[in-house]
């Protein structure tokens, strides 16, 4: 999936819709705002967290239980379905 490898490419699009897609797939939840402290740090989505772990571990395998990996692949399948509909990819 090209998006995971280079979300910046989609972010650079002139379409606001593309930027919203990047935000919704990159962050786990909507940005929260506190009137005294301003915007809070957003949680990164699971696929990007796993990619960061891969990068930091410098190994071909990431330790994790089956549930974590199953959740990861479920999210990837959802993203793929959503992006396929959005971009009419066959």
PDB file of N, CA and C in Angstrom:
ATOM      1  N   UNK A   1       0.852  -1.171   0.000  1.00  0.00           N
ATOM      2  CA  UNK A   1       0.000   0.000   0.000  1.00  0.00           C
ATOM      3  C   UNK A   1       0.901   1.238   0.000  1.00  0.00           C
ATOM      4  N   UNK A   2       0.807   2.024  -1.026  1.00  0.00           N
ATOM      5  CA  UNK A   2       1.654   3.207  -1.168  1.00  0.00           C
ATOM      6  C   UNK A   2       1.441   4.227  -0.056  1.00  0.00           C
ATOM      7  N   UNK A   3       0.225   4.325   0.433  1.00  0.00           N
ATOM      8  CA  UNK A   3      -0.078   5.335   1.447  1.00  0.00           C
ATOM      9  C   UNK A   3       0.788   5.181   2.682  1.00  0.00           C
ATOM     10  N   UNK A   4       0.930   3.958   3.196  1.00  0.00           N
ATOM     11  CA  UNK A   4       1.734   3.741   4.398  1.00  0.00           C
ATOM     12  C   UNK A   4       3.190   4.099   4.163  1.00  0.00           C
ATOM     13  N   UNK A   5       3.685   3.800   2.986  1.00  0.00           N
ATOM     14  CA  UNK A   5       5.081   4.092   2.689  1.00  0.00           C
ATOM     15  C   UNK A   5       5.362   5.568   2.497  1.00  0.00           C
ATOM     16  N   UNK A   6       4.360   6.315   2.032  1.00  0.00           N
ATOM     17  CA  UNK A   6       4.588   7.725   1.761  1.00  0.00           C
ATOM     18  C   UNK A   6       3.290   8.538   1.888  1.00  0.00           C
ATOM     19  N   UNK A   7       2.789   8.716   3.125  1.00  0.00           N
ATOM     20  CA  UNK A   7       1.563   9.502   3.289  1.00  0.00           C
ATOM     21  C   UNK A   7       1.754  10.961   2.883  1.00  0.00           C
ATOM     22  N   UNK A   8       2.992  11.423   2.904  1.00  0.00           N
ATOM     23  CA  UNK A   8       3.275  12.811   2.537  1.00  0.00           C
ATOM     24  C   UNK A   8       2.881  13.087   1.087  1.00  0.00           C
ATOM     25  N   UNK A   9       3.022  12.087   0.231  1.00  0.00           N
ATOM     26  CA  UNK A   9       2.656  12.259  -1.180  1.00  0.00           C
ATOM     27  C   UNK A   9       1.169  12.612  -1.306  1.00  0.00           C
ATOM     28  N   UNK A  10       0.321  11.918  -0.558  1.00  0.00           N
ATOM     29  CA  UNK A  10      -1.108  12.222  -0.587  1.00  0.00           C
ATOM     30  C   UNK A  10      -1.382  13.556   0.099  1.00  0.00           C
ATOM     31  N   UNK A  11      -0.637  13.849   1.163  1.00  0.00           N
ATOM     32  CA  UNK A  11      -0.789  15.113   1.891  1.00  0.00           C
ATOM     33  C   UNK A  11      -0.500  16.304   0.973  1.00  0.00           C
ATOM     34  N   UNK A  12       0.425  16.168   0.044  1.00  0.00           N
ATOM     35  CA  UNK A  12       0.814  17.257  -0.860  1.00  0.00           C
ATOM     36  C   UNK A  12      -0.223  17.518  -1.951  1.00  0.00           C
ATOM     37  N   UNK A  13      -1.232  16.695  -2.019  1.00  0.00           N
ATOM     38  CA  UNK A  13      -2.288  16.879  -3.002  1.00  0.00           C
ATOM     39  C   UNK A  13      -2.962  18.234  -2.793  1.00  0.00           C
ATOM     40  N   UNK A  14      -3.494  18.792  -3.841  1.00  0.00           N
ATOM     41  CA  UNK A  14      -4.218  20.056  -3.752  1.00  0.00           C
ATOM     42  C   UNK A  14      -5.629  19.878  -3.183  1.00  0.00           C
ATOM     43  N   UNK A  15      -6.080  18.638  -3.108  1.00  0.00           N
ATOM     44  CA  UNK A  15      -7.448  18.365  -2.654  1.00  0.00           C
ATOM     45  C   UNK A  15      -7.522  18.294  -1.130  1.00  0.00           C
ATOM     46  N   UNK A  16      -8.432  19.042  -0.543  1.00  0.00           N
ATOM     47  CA  UNK A  16      -8.643  19.025   0.906  1.00  0.00           C
ATOM     48  C   UNK A  16      -9.086  17.630   1.342  1.00  0.00           C
ATOM     49  N   UNK A  17      -9.865  16.966   0.511  1.00  0.00           N
ATOM     50  CA  UNK A  17     -10.338  15.613   0.812  1.00  0.00           C
ATOM     51  C   UNK A  17      -9.155  14.669   1.057  1.00  0.00           C
ATOM     52  N   UNK A  18      -8.105  14.788   0.257  1.00  0.00           N
ATOM     53  CA  UNK A  18      -6.921  13.943   0.425  1.00  0.00           C
ATOM     54  C   UNK A  18      -6.234  14.220   1.756  1.00  0.00           C
ATOM     55  N   UNK A  19      -6.153  15.477   2.128  1.00  0.00           N
ATOM     56  CA  UNK A  19      -5.528  15.839   3.411  1.00  0.00           C
ATOM     57  C   UNK A  19      -6.334  15.271   4.582  1.00  0.00           C
ATOM     58  N   UNK A  20      -7.649  15.293   4.474  1.00  0.00           N
ATOM     59  CA  UNK A  20      -8.496  14.725   5.530  1.00  0.00           C
ATOM     60  C   UNK A  20      -8.297  13.218   5.638  1.00  0.00           C
ATOM     61  N   UNK A  21      -8.111  12.567   4.491  1.00  0.00           N
ATOM     62  CA  UNK A  21      -7.849  11.126   4.495  1.00  0.00           C
ATOM     63  C   UNK A  21      -6.556  10.832   5.240  1.00  0.00           C
ATOM     64  N   UNK A  22      -5.521  11.606   4.947  1.00  0.00           N
ATOM     65  CA  UNK A  22      -4.235  11.409   5.621  1.00  0.00           C
ATOM     66  C   UNK A  22      -4.405  11.565   7.126  1.00  0.00           C
ATOM     67  N   UNK A  23      -5.087  12.612   7.550  1.00  0.00           N
ATOM     68  CA  UNK A  23      -5.287  12.841   8.984  1.00  0.00           C
ATOM     69  C   UNK A  23      -6.078  11.712   9.634  1.00  0.00           C
ATOM     70  N   UNK A  24      -7.136  11.270   8.968  1.00  0.00           N
ATOM     71  CA  UNK A  24      -7.984  10.241   9.578  1.00  0.00           C
ATOM     72  C   UNK A  24      -7.281   8.899   9.666  1.00  0.00           C
ATOM     73  N   UNK A  25      -6.382   8.596   8.724  1.00  0.00           N
ATOM     74  CA  UNK A  25      -5.657   7.326   8.764  1.00  0.00           C
ATOM     75  C   UNK A  25      -4.411   7.394   9.635  1.00  0.00           C
ATOM     76  N   UNK A  26      -3.845   8.564   9.817  1.00  0.00           N
ATOM     77  CA  UNK A  26      -2.599   8.697  10.573  1.00  0.00           C
ATOM     78  C   UNK A  26      -2.843   8.739  12.072  1.00  0.00           C
ATOM     79  N   UNK A  27      -3.908   9.390  12.483  1.00  0.00           N
ATOM     80  CA  UNK A  27      -4.174   9.552  13.910  1.00  0.00           C
ATOM     81  C   UNK A  27      -5.317   8.648  14.350  1.00  0.00           C
ATOM     82  N   UNK A  28      -5.179   8.081  15.553  1.00  0.00           N
ATOM     83  CA  UNK A  28      -6.168   7.133  16.068  1.00  0.00           C
ATOM     84  C   UNK A  28      -7.496   7.810  16.397  1.00  0.00           C
ATOM     85  N   UNK A  29      -7.460   9.033  16.848  1.00  0.00           N
ATOM     86  CA  UNK A  29      -8.664   9.771  17.236  1.00  0.00           C
ATOM     87  C   UNK A  29      -8.581  11.196  16.710  1.00  0.00           C
ATOM     88  N   UNK A  30      -9.668  11.924  16.869  1.00  0.00           N
ATOM     89  CA  UNK A  30      -9.659  13.341  16.507  1.00  0.00           C
ATOM     90  C   UNK A  30      -8.748  14.099  17.465  1.00  0.00           C
ATOM     91  N   UNK A  31      -8.238  15.223  17.002  1.00  0.00           N
ATOM     92  CA  UNK A  31      -7.404  16.051  17.867  1.00  0.00           C
ATOM     93  C   UNK A  31      -8.244  16.589  19.016  1.00  0.00           C
ATOM     94  N   UNK A  32      -7.687  16.521  20.209  1.00  0.00           N
ATOM     95  CA  UNK A  32      -8.414  17.076  21.352  1.00  0.00           C
ATOM     96  C   UNK A  32      -7.857  18.460  21.678  1.00  0.00           C
ATOM     97  N   UNK A  33      -8.728  19.284  22.199  1.00  0.00           N
ATOM     98  CA  UNK A  33      -8.359  20.666  22.498  1.00  0.00           C
ATOM     99  C   UNK A  33      -8.758  20.991  23.927  1.00  0.00           C
ATOM    100  N   UNK A  34      -7.831  21.575  24.658  1.00  0.00           N
ATOM    101  CA  UNK A  34      -8.079  22.033  26.026  1.00  0.00           C
ATOM    102  C   UNK A  34      -8.005  23.553  26.002  1.00  0.00           C
ATOM    103  N   UNK A  35      -9.023  24.227  26.523  1.00  0.00           N
ATOM    104  CA  UNK A  35      -9.052  25.692  26.424  1.00  0.00           C
ATOM    105  C   UNK A  35      -7.895  26.355  27.154  1.00  0.00           C
ATOM    106  N   UNK A  36      -7.312  25.693  28.152  1.00  0.00           N
ATOM    107  CA  UNK A  36      -6.172  26.257  28.881  1.00  0.00           C
ATOM    108  C   UNK A  36      -4.817  25.866  28.282  1.00  0.00           C
ATOM    109  N   UNK A  37      -4.753  24.680  27.707  1.00  0.00           N
ATOM    110  CA  UNK A  37      -3.469  24.175  27.209  1.00  0.00           C
ATOM    111  C   UNK A  37      -3.386  24.096  25.692  1.00  0.00           C
ATOM    112  N   UNK A  38      -4.492  24.305  25.007  1.00  0.00           N
ATOM    113  CA  UNK A  38      -4.485  24.237  23.552  1.00  0.00           C
ATOM    114  C   UNK A  38      -4.637  22.806  23.059  1.00  0.00           C
ATOM    115  N   UNK A  39      -4.146  22.550  21.847  1.00  0.00           N
ATOM    116  CA  UNK A  39      -4.264  21.220  21.263  1.00  0.00           C
ATOM    117  C   UNK A  39      -3.391  20.233  22.015  1.00  0.00           C
ATOM    118  N   UNK A  40      -3.899  19.031  22.175  1.00  0.00           N
ATOM    119  CA  UNK A  40      -3.190  17.958  22.852  1.00  0.00           C
ATOM    120  C   UNK A  40      -2.518  17.071  21.806  1.00  0.00           C
ATOM    121  N   UNK A  41      -1.508  16.354  22.216  1.00  0.00           N
ATOM    122  CA  UNK A  41      -0.814  15.446  21.311  1.00  0.00           C
ATOM    123  C   UNK A  41      -1.751  14.303  20.931  1.00  0.00           C
ATOM    124  N   UNK A  42      -1.883  14.067  19.648  1.00  0.00           N
ATOM    125  CA  UNK A  42      -2.781  13.018  19.159  1.00  0.00           C
ATOM    126  C   UNK A  42      -2.087  11.659  19.191  1.00  0.00           C
ATOM    127  N   UNK A  43      -2.887  10.614  19.363  1.00  0.00           N
ATOM    128  CA  UNK A  43      -2.362   9.253  19.307  1.00  0.00           C
ATOM    129  C   UNK A  43      -2.226   8.833  17.849  1.00  0.00           C
ATOM    130  N   UNK A  44      -1.103   8.205  17.541  1.00  0.00           N
ATOM    131  CA  UNK A  44      -0.835   7.719  16.186  1.00  0.00           C
ATOM    132  C   UNK A  44      -1.567   6.395  15.988  1.00  0.00           C
ATOM    133  N   UNK A  45      -2.041   6.141  14.771  1.00  0.00           N
ATOM    134  CA  UNK A  45      -2.766   4.905  14.495  1.00  0.00           C
ATOM    135  C   UNK A  45      -1.836   3.694  14.571  1.00  0.00           C
ATOM    136  N   UNK A  46      -2.431   2.541  14.807  1.00  0.00           N
ATOM    137  CA  UNK A  46      -1.680   1.313  15.034  1.00  0.00           C
ATOM    138  C   UNK A  46      -0.717   0.947  13.899  1.00  0.00           C
ATOM    139  N   UNK A  47      -1.121   1.015  12.634  1.00  0.00           N
ATOM    140  CA  UNK A  47      -0.166   0.660  11.579  1.00  0.00           C
ATOM    141  C   UNK A  47       1.091   1.527  11.583  1.00  0.00           C
ATOM    142  N   UNK A  48       0.944   2.814  11.849  1.00  0.00           N
ATOM    143  CA  UNK A  48       2.120   3.682  11.882  1.00  0.00           C
ATOM    144  C   UNK A  48       2.982   3.405  13.107  1.00  0.00           C
ATOM    145  N   UNK A  49       2.361   3.038  14.221  1.00  0.00           N
ATOM    146  CA  UNK A  49       3.136   2.662  15.410  1.00  0.00           C
ATOM    147  C   UNK A  49       3.960   1.412  15.136  1.00  0.00           C
ATOM    148  N   UNK A  50       3.362   0.441  14.453  1.00  0.00           N
ATOM    149  CA  UNK A  50       4.086  -0.785  14.130  1.00  0.00           C
ATOM    150  C   UNK A  50       5.222  -0.505  13.152  1.00  0.00           C
ATOM    151  N   UNK A  51       4.979   0.351  12.179  1.00  0.00           N
ATOM    152  CA  UNK A  51       6.047   0.711  11.243  1.00  0.00           C
ATOM    153  C   UNK A  51       7.203   1.395  11.963  1.00  0.00           C
ATOM    154  N   UNK A  52       6.893   2.247  12.933  1.00  0.00           N
ATOM    155  CA  UNK A  52       7.941   2.909  13.713  1.00  0.00           C
ATOM    156  C   UNK A  52       8.727   1.887  14.523  1.00  0.00           C
ATOM    157  N   UNK A  53       8.018   0.916  15.078  1.00  0.00           N
ATOM    158  CA  UNK A  53       8.693  -0.139  15.841  1.00  0.00           C
ATOM    159  C   UNK A  53       9.622  -0.947  14.937  1.00  0.00           C
ATOM    160  N   UNK A  54       9.171  -1.240  13.734  1.00  0.00           N
ATOM    161  CA  UNK A  54      10.022  -1.944  12.766  1.00  0.00           C
ATOM    162  C   UNK A  54      11.281  -1.140  12.466  1.00  0.00           C
ATOM    163  N   UNK A  55      11.096   0.133  12.253  1.00  0.00           N
ATOM    164  CA  UNK A  55      12.217   1.017  11.932  1.00  0.00           C
ATOM    165  C   UNK A  55      13.225   1.058  13.076  1.00  0.00           C
ATOM    166  N   UNK A  56      12.725   1.173  14.304  1.00  0.00           N
ATOM    167  CA  UNK A  56      13.604   1.281  15.465  1.00  0.00           C
ATOM    168  C   UNK A  56      14.271  -0.035  15.825  1.00  0.00           C
ATOM    169  N   UNK A  57      13.630  -1.153  15.527  1.00  0.00           N
ATOM    170  CA  UNK A  57      14.173  -2.446  15.937  1.00  0.00           C
ATOM    171  C   UNK A  57      15.293  -2.929  15.024  1.00  0.00           C
ATOM    172  N   UNK A  58      15.346  -2.402  13.794  1.00  0.00           N
ATOM    173  CA  UNK A  58      16.349  -2.845  12.822  1.00  0.00           C
ATOM    174  C   UNK A  58      16.349  -4.352  12.646  1.00  0.00           C
ATOM    175  N   UNK A  59      15.181  -4.952  12.713  1.00  0.00           N
ATOM    176  CA  UNK A  59      15.084  -6.389  12.495  1.00  0.00           C
ATOM    177  C   UNK A  59      13.966  -6.666  11.514  1.00  0.00           C
ATOM    178  N   UNK A  60      13.964  -7.904  11.012  1.00  0.00           N
ATOM    179  CA  UNK A  60      12.935  -8.267  10.053  1.00  0.00           C
ATOM    180  C   UNK A  60      11.649  -8.701  10.744  1.00  0.00           C
ATOM    181  N   UNK A  61      11.727  -9.020  12.024  1.00  0.00           N
ATOM    182  CA  UNK A  61      10.563  -9.496  12.758  1.00  0.00           C
ATOM    183  C   UNK A  61      10.261  -8.554  13.914  1.00  0.00           C
ATOM    184  N   UNK A  62       9.007  -8.330  14.147  1.00  0.00           N
ATOM    185  CA  UNK A  62       8.581  -7.536  15.290  1.00  0.00           C
ATOM    186  C   UNK A  62       7.924  -8.489  16.272  1.00  0.00           C
ATOM    187  N   UNK A  63       8.377  -8.436  17.524  1.00  0.00           N
ATOM    188  CA  UNK A  63       7.756  -9.284  18.525  1.00  0.00           C
ATOM    189  C   UNK A  63       6.377  -8.733  18.837  1.00  0.00           C
ATOM    190  N   UNK A  64       5.441  -9.618  18.922  1.00  0.00           N
ATOM    191  CA  UNK A  64       4.087  -9.207  19.254  1.00  0.00           C
ATOM    192  C   UNK A  64       3.195 -10.416  19.288  1.00  0.00           C
ATOM    193  N   UNK A  65       2.137 -10.317  20.018  1.00  0.00           N
ATOM    194  CA  UNK A  65       1.245 -11.464  20.062  1.00  0.00           C
ATOM    195  C   UNK A  65       0.363 -11.470  18.828  1.00  0.00           C
ATOM    196  N   UNK A  66      -0.289 -12.585  18.598  1.00  0.00           N
ATOM    197  CA  UNK A  66      -1.126 -12.734  17.416  1.00  0.00           C
ATOM    198  C   UNK A  66      -2.262 -11.738  17.363  1.00  0.00           C
ATOM    199  N   UNK A  67      -2.807 -11.386  18.532  1.00  0.00           N
ATOM    200  CA  UNK A  67      -3.913 -10.428  18.562  1.00  0.00           C
ATOM    201  C   UNK A  67      -3.492  -9.075  18.014  1.00  0.00           C
ATOM    202  N   UNK A  68      -2.305  -8.621  18.392  1.00  0.00           N
ATOM    203  CA  UNK A  68      -1.809  -7.332  17.914  1.00  0.00           C
ATOM    204  C   UNK A  68      -1.645  -7.346  16.402  1.00  0.00           C
ATOM    205  N   UNK A  69      -1.035  -8.396  15.892  1.00  0.00           N
ATOM    206  CA  UNK A  69      -0.837  -8.488  14.446  1.00  0.00           C
ATOM    207  C   UNK A  69      -2.167  -8.638  13.715  1.00  0.00           C
ATOM    208  N   UNK A  70      -3.087  -9.396  14.282  1.00  0.00           N
ATOM    209  CA  UNK A  70      -4.405  -9.528  13.657  1.00  0.00           C
ATOM    210  C   UNK A  70      -5.115  -8.184  13.591  1.00  0.00           C
ATOM    211  N   UNK A  71      -5.045  -7.406  14.653  1.00  0.00           N
ATOM    212  CA  UNK A  71      -5.652  -6.075  14.658  1.00  0.00           C
ATOM    213  C   UNK A  71      -5.002  -5.192  13.604  1.00  0.00           C
ATOM    214  N   UNK A  72      -3.684  -5.285  13.505  1.00  0.00           N
ATOM    215  CA  UNK A  72      -2.942  -4.507  12.515  1.00  0.00           C
ATOM    216  C   UNK A  72      -3.438  -4.824  11.108  1.00  0.00           C
ATOM    217  N   UNK A  73      -3.551  -6.127  10.788  1.00  0.00           N
ATOM    218  CA  UNK A  73      -3.978  -6.511   9.452  1.00  0.00           C
ATOM    219  C   UNK A  73      -5.446  -6.163   9.198  1.00  0.00           C
ATOM    220  N   UNK A  74      -6.275  -6.210  10.219  1.00  0.00           N
ATOM    221  CA  UNK A  74      -7.669  -5.796  10.065  1.00  0.00           C
ATOM    222  C   UNK A  74      -7.755  -4.313   9.711  1.00  0.00           C
ATOM    223  N   UNK A  75      -6.961  -3.498  10.387  1.00  0.00           N
ATOM    224  CA  UNK A  75      -6.948  -2.059  10.094  1.00  0.00           C
ATOM    225  C   UNK A  75      -6.447  -1.818   8.675  1.00  0.00           C
ATOM    226  N   UNK A  76      -5.401  -2.523   8.276  1.00  0.00           N
ATOM    227  CA  UNK A  76      -4.889  -2.366   6.912  1.00  0.00           C
ATOM    228  C   UNK A  76      -5.949  -2.738   5.876  1.00  0.00           C
ATOM    229  N   UNK A  77      -6.688  -3.806   6.122  1.00  0.00           N
ATOM    230  CA  UNK A  77      -7.747  -4.200   5.190  1.00  0.00           C
ATOM    231  C   UNK A  77      -8.839  -3.136   5.112  1.00  0.00           C
ATOM    232  N   UNK A  78      -9.196  -2.548   6.250  1.00  0.00           N
ATOM    233  CA  UNK A  78     -10.191  -1.471   6.252  1.00  0.00           C
ATOM    234  C   UNK A  78      -9.687  -0.271   5.463  1.00  0.00           C
ATOM    235  N   UNK A  79      -8.423   0.088   5.677  1.00  0.00           N
ATOM    236  CA  UNK A  79      -7.843   1.224   4.950  1.00  0.00           C
ATOM    237  C   UNK A  79      -7.839   0.948   3.456  1.00  0.00           C
ATOM    238  N   UNK A  80      -7.433  -0.259   3.095  1.00  0.00           N
ATOM    239  CA  UNK A  80      -7.374  -0.601   1.679  1.00  0.00           C
ATOM    240  C   UNK A  80      -8.757  -0.492   1.044  1.00  0.00           C
ATOM    241  N   UNK A  81      -9.781  -0.993   1.734  1.00  0.00           N
ATOM    242  CA  UNK A  81     -11.145  -0.907   1.214  1.00  0.00           C
ATOM    243  C   UNK A  81     -11.586   0.545   1.073  1.00  0.00           C
ATOM    244  N   UNK A  82     -11.292   1.355   2.066  1.00  0.00           N
ATOM    245  CA  UNK A  82     -11.670   2.769   2.025  1.00  0.00           C
ATOM    246  C   UNK A  82     -10.955   3.500   0.896  1.00  0.00           C
ATOM    247  N   UNK A  83      -9.655   3.293   0.788  1.00  0.00           N
ATOM    248  CA  UNK A  83      -8.894   3.962  -0.272  1.00  0.00           C
ATOM    249  C   UNK A  83      -9.325   3.488  -1.652  1.00  0.00           C
ATOM    250  N   UNK A  84      -9.676   2.212  -1.771  1.00  0.00           N
ATOM    251  CA  UNK A  84     -10.143   1.686  -3.046  1.00  0.00           C
ATOM    252  C   UNK A  84     -11.422   2.393  -3.474  1.00  0.00           C
ATOM    253  N   UNK A  85     -12.335   2.590  -2.542  1.00  0.00           N
ATOM    254  CA  UNK A  85     -13.586   3.291  -2.850  1.00  0.00           C
ATOM    255  C   UNK A  85     -13.308   4.748  -3.200  1.00  0.00           C
ATOM    256  N   UNK A  86     -12.460   5.395  -2.416  1.00  0.00           N
ATOM    257  CA  UNK A  86     -12.180   6.816  -2.626  1.00  0.00           C
ATOM    258  C   UNK A  86     -11.524   7.068  -3.973  1.00  0.00           C
ATOM    259  N   UNK A  87     -10.561   6.223  -4.317  1.00  0.00           N
ATOM    260  CA  UNK A  87      -9.791   6.460  -5.539  1.00  0.00           C
ATOM    261  C   UNK A  87     -10.216   5.565  -6.691  1.00  0.00           C
ATOM    262  N   UNK A  88     -11.285   4.790  -6.508  1.00  0.00           N
ATOM    263  CA  UNK A  88     -11.794   3.896  -7.550  1.00  0.00           C
ATOM    264  C   UNK A  88     -10.704   3.015  -8.132  1.00  0.00           C
ATOM    265  N   UNK A  89      -9.899   2.429  -7.241  1.00  0.00           N
ATOM    266  CA  UNK A  89      -8.820   1.541  -7.664  1.00  0.00           C
ATOM    267  C   UNK A  89      -9.383   0.143  -7.802  1.00  0.00           C
ATOM    268  N   UNK A  90      -9.027  -0.537  -8.875  1.00  0.00           N
ATOM    269  CA  UNK A  90      -9.483  -1.922  -9.070  1.00  0.00           C
ATOM    270  C   UNK A  90      -8.364  -2.885  -8.831  1.00  0.00           C
TER     271      UNK A  90
END
